[in-house]
Amino acid sequence: MSHDHIIKQKTIEIDETSCTFFDMLKDVCVALNIPTPVLLDKHVYDFNLFHTCIFKPSDFVENVVFSEFILQHIGVK
């Protein structure tokens, strides 16, 4: 997201039985061709509770051109 506009979006299928949260995050970042952010306990907590977590540019070591990176689990039942 960049100033409330989606600039790039990708949906990928993850095998949740053999994949850690960090592996899933890394796979999505590779698919989007962006750096992998620093993963904090808050991100894991938000993802587990809300099935969504938001990464800000300050969560990345490298400079990024977006204002938010939103990770969502869309297969929640």
Protein backbone atom coordinates (compact mmCIF):
# COMPACT_ATOMS: atom_id res chain seq x y z
CA MET A 1 0.00 0.00 0.00
CA SER A 2 1.11 3.49 -0.70
CA HIS A 3 -1.04 6.24 0.75
CA ASP A 4 -4.19 4.08 0.85
CA HIS A 5 -3.71 2.69 -2.67
CA ILE A 6 -2.76 -0.88 -3.46
CA ILE A 7 0.39 -0.75 -5.57
CA LYS A 8 1.06 -4.48 -5.71
CA GLN A 9 -0.87 -7.54 -4.61
CA LYS A 10 -0.07 -11.24 -4.63
CA THR A 11 -1.94 -14.32 -3.45
CA ILE A 12 0.06 -17.47 -2.82
CA GLU A 13 -0.87 -20.87 -1.45
CA ILE A 14 1.01 -21.99 1.65
CA ASP A 15 1.21 -25.46 3.19
CA GLU A 16 0.39 -24.43 6.76
CA THR A 17 1.20 -27.86 8.19
CA SER A 18 4.91 -27.62 7.37
CA CYS A 19 5.49 -23.88 7.19
CA THR A 20 6.48 -21.44 9.92
CA PHE A 21 5.17 -17.90 10.02
CA PHE A 22 8.60 -16.56 9.04
CA ASP A 23 8.81 -18.99 6.09
CA MET A 24 5.40 -17.82 4.92
CA LEU A 25 6.44 -14.16 5.25
CA LYS A 26 9.66 -14.82 3.37
CA ASP A 27 7.83 -16.62 0.53
CA VAL A 28 5.38 -13.73 0.12
CA CYS A 29 8.21 -11.19 0.09
CA VAL A 30 10.10 -13.18 -2.54
CA ALA A 31 6.93 -13.40 -4.66
CA LEU A 32 6.49 -9.62 -4.39
CA ASN A 33 10.20 -8.95 -4.90
CA ILE A 34 10.48 -6.87 -1.71
CA PRO A 35 12.86 -7.20 1.25
CA THR A 36 11.79 -9.32 4.21
CA PRO A 37 10.83 -7.16 7.20
CA VAL A 38 11.98 -7.61 10.77
CA LEU A 39 9.47 -9.90 12.43
CA LEU A 40 8.32 -8.78 15.88
CA ASP A 41 6.16 -10.54 18.44
CA LYS A 42 3.46 -7.93 17.73
CA HIS A 43 3.25 -9.05 14.09
CA VAL A 44 2.83 -12.70 15.07
CA TYR A 45 0.26 -11.79 17.75
CA ASP A 46 -1.79 -9.66 15.33
CA PHE A 47 -1.66 -12.33 12.64
CA ASN A 48 -2.78 -15.06 15.05
CA LEU A 49 -5.57 -12.93 16.52
CA PHE A 50 -6.81 -11.00 13.47
CA HIS A 51 -5.38 -13.06 10.54
CA THR A 52 -3.75 -9.81 9.39
CA CYS A 53 -0.60 -7.93 10.27
CA ILE A 54 0.77 -4.64 9.02
CA PHE A 55 4.42 -3.87 8.46
CA LYS A 56 5.52 -0.21 8.31
CA PRO A 57 8.65 1.03 6.49
CA SER A 58 10.40 1.19 9.87
CA ASP A 59 10.04 -2.62 10.08
CA PHE A 60 12.41 -3.00 7.12
CA VAL A 61 16.18 -2.68 7.22
CA GLU A 62 16.23 -1.64 3.57
CA ASN A 63 14.41 1.38 2.17
CA VAL A 64 11.00 0.58 0.71
CA VAL A 65 8.72 2.59 -1.59
CA PHE A 66 5.45 1.79 0.16
CA SER A 67 3.75 3.07 3.31
CA GLU A 68 2.37 -0.31 4.47
CA PHE A 69 2.87 -3.98 3.74
CA ILE A 70 -0.24 -5.90 4.78
CA LEU A 71 -0.10 -9.66 5.22
CA GLN A 72 -3.49 -11.40 5.34
CA HIS A 73 -4.60 -14.98 5.68
CA ILE A 74 -7.60 -15.25 3.38
CA GLY A 75 -8.36 -18.93 3.88
CA VAL A 76 -9.61 -18.54 7.45
CA LYS A 77 -12.69 -20.61 8.21
